[in-house]
Protein backbone atom coordinates (compact mmCIF):
# COMPACT_ATOMS: atom_id res chain seq x y z
CA MET A 1 3.59 -4.78 8.59
CA SER A 2 0.10 -3.54 8.21
CA VAL A 3 -2.66 -5.37 6.44
CA SER A 4 -5.64 -3.41 5.23
CA THR A 5 -9.05 -4.77 6.13
CA TYR A 6 -10.83 -6.34 3.20
CA THR A 7 -13.68 -8.49 1.95
CA ALA A 8 -12.14 -9.17 -1.46
CA LYS A 9 -10.15 -12.26 -2.45
CA HIS A 10 -6.92 -10.31 -2.37
CA ARG A 11 -5.13 -7.83 -0.17
CA LEU A 12 -2.19 -5.49 -0.07
CA VAL A 13 0.43 -5.96 2.63
CA PHE A 14 2.67 -3.02 3.44
CA ALA A 15 6.08 -3.31 5.11
CA ASP A 16 5.48 -0.03 6.92
CA ASN A 17 8.97 0.43 8.30
CA LEU A 18 10.55 0.17 4.84
CA CYS A 19 8.33 2.90 3.37
CA LYS A 20 9.99 6.27 2.80
CA GLY A 21 6.77 8.04 1.82
CA CYS A 22 7.80 8.72 -1.78
CA ASP A 23 4.13 8.63 -2.90
CA LEU A 24 4.91 6.77 -6.15
CA CYS A 25 2.42 4.01 -5.33
CA ALA A 26 -0.35 6.52 -4.65
CA VAL A 27 0.28 8.33 -7.92
CA ALA A 28 0.39 5.07 -9.89
CA CYS A 29 -2.77 3.51 -8.40
CA PRO A 30 -5.50 3.48 -11.08
CA LYS A 31 -8.24 3.35 -8.41
CA ASP A 32 -6.76 6.21 -6.30
CA ILE A 33 -7.06 4.20 -3.08
CA ILE A 34 -3.47 4.38 -1.79
CA LYS A 35 -2.48 7.40 0.26
CA MET A 36 0.22 8.32 2.71
CA ASP A 37 -1.14 7.70 6.21
CA LYS A 38 -0.77 11.12 7.86
CA THR A 39 -1.85 9.70 11.23
CA ARG A 40 1.25 7.49 11.64
CA VAL A 41 5.01 7.79 11.38
CA ASN A 42 7.24 4.76 10.80
CA GLU A 43 10.67 4.02 12.33
CA LYS A 44 12.37 6.07 9.62
CA GLY A 45 10.20 9.11 10.37
CA TYR A 46 7.98 8.92 7.28
CA ASN A 47 4.24 8.66 6.80
CA PRO A 48 3.83 5.15 5.34
CA ALA A 49 1.60 4.23 2.43
CA MET A 50 -1.75 2.60 3.13
CA CYS A 51 -4.72 1.34 1.13
CA PHE A 52 -7.84 3.07 2.40
CA ASP A 53 -10.39 1.03 0.40
CA MET A 54 -9.31 -2.57 -0.11
CA ASP A 55 -12.72 -3.51 -1.54
CA ALA A 56 -12.04 -1.14 -4.46
CA CYS A 57 -8.59 -2.64 -5.12
CA ILE A 58 -8.34 -4.60 -8.37
CA ALA A 59 -5.03 -6.28 -7.39
CA CYS A 60 -3.32 -5.01 -10.53
CA GLY A 61 0.06 -4.88 -8.78
CA ILE A 62 1.12 -1.54 -10.23
CA CYS A 63 1.78 -0.16 -6.75
CA ALA A 64 4.08 -3.08 -5.90
CA LYS A 65 5.94 -2.82 -9.19
CA ILE A 66 6.61 0.90 -8.94
CA CYS A 67 7.73 0.86 -5.30
CA PRO A 68 11.53 1.35 -5.25
CA ASP A 69 11.82 -0.28 -1.81
CA SER A 70 9.56 -3.34 -2.31
CA VAL A 71 7.25 -2.18 0.45
CA ILE A 72 4.02 -3.52 -1.07
CA LYS A 73 3.07 -7.15 -1.61
CA VAL A 74 -0.12 -8.17 -3.43
CA GLU A 75 -1.61 -11.37 -2.06
CA ARG A 76 -4.17 -12.91 -4.38
CA ASP A 77 -6.72 -15.70 -3.87
CA ILE A 78 -6.62 -15.63 -0.09
């Protein structure tokens, strides 16, 4: 799992090896801060999703809801 760095009171946790790089989370993100990480490949051979600006995240949970493989978890009030 990867955890994006943050200073906010929430964070997104990605189960990298479950991600199949479908890009649905990136398309659905209202802040446009989730992208496929082109610098890494997971165990399945896909570029996993990653949040590149956690401070801009509003923890709306849309990314987690739209993910067909339950890759993303929103942790609030940490």
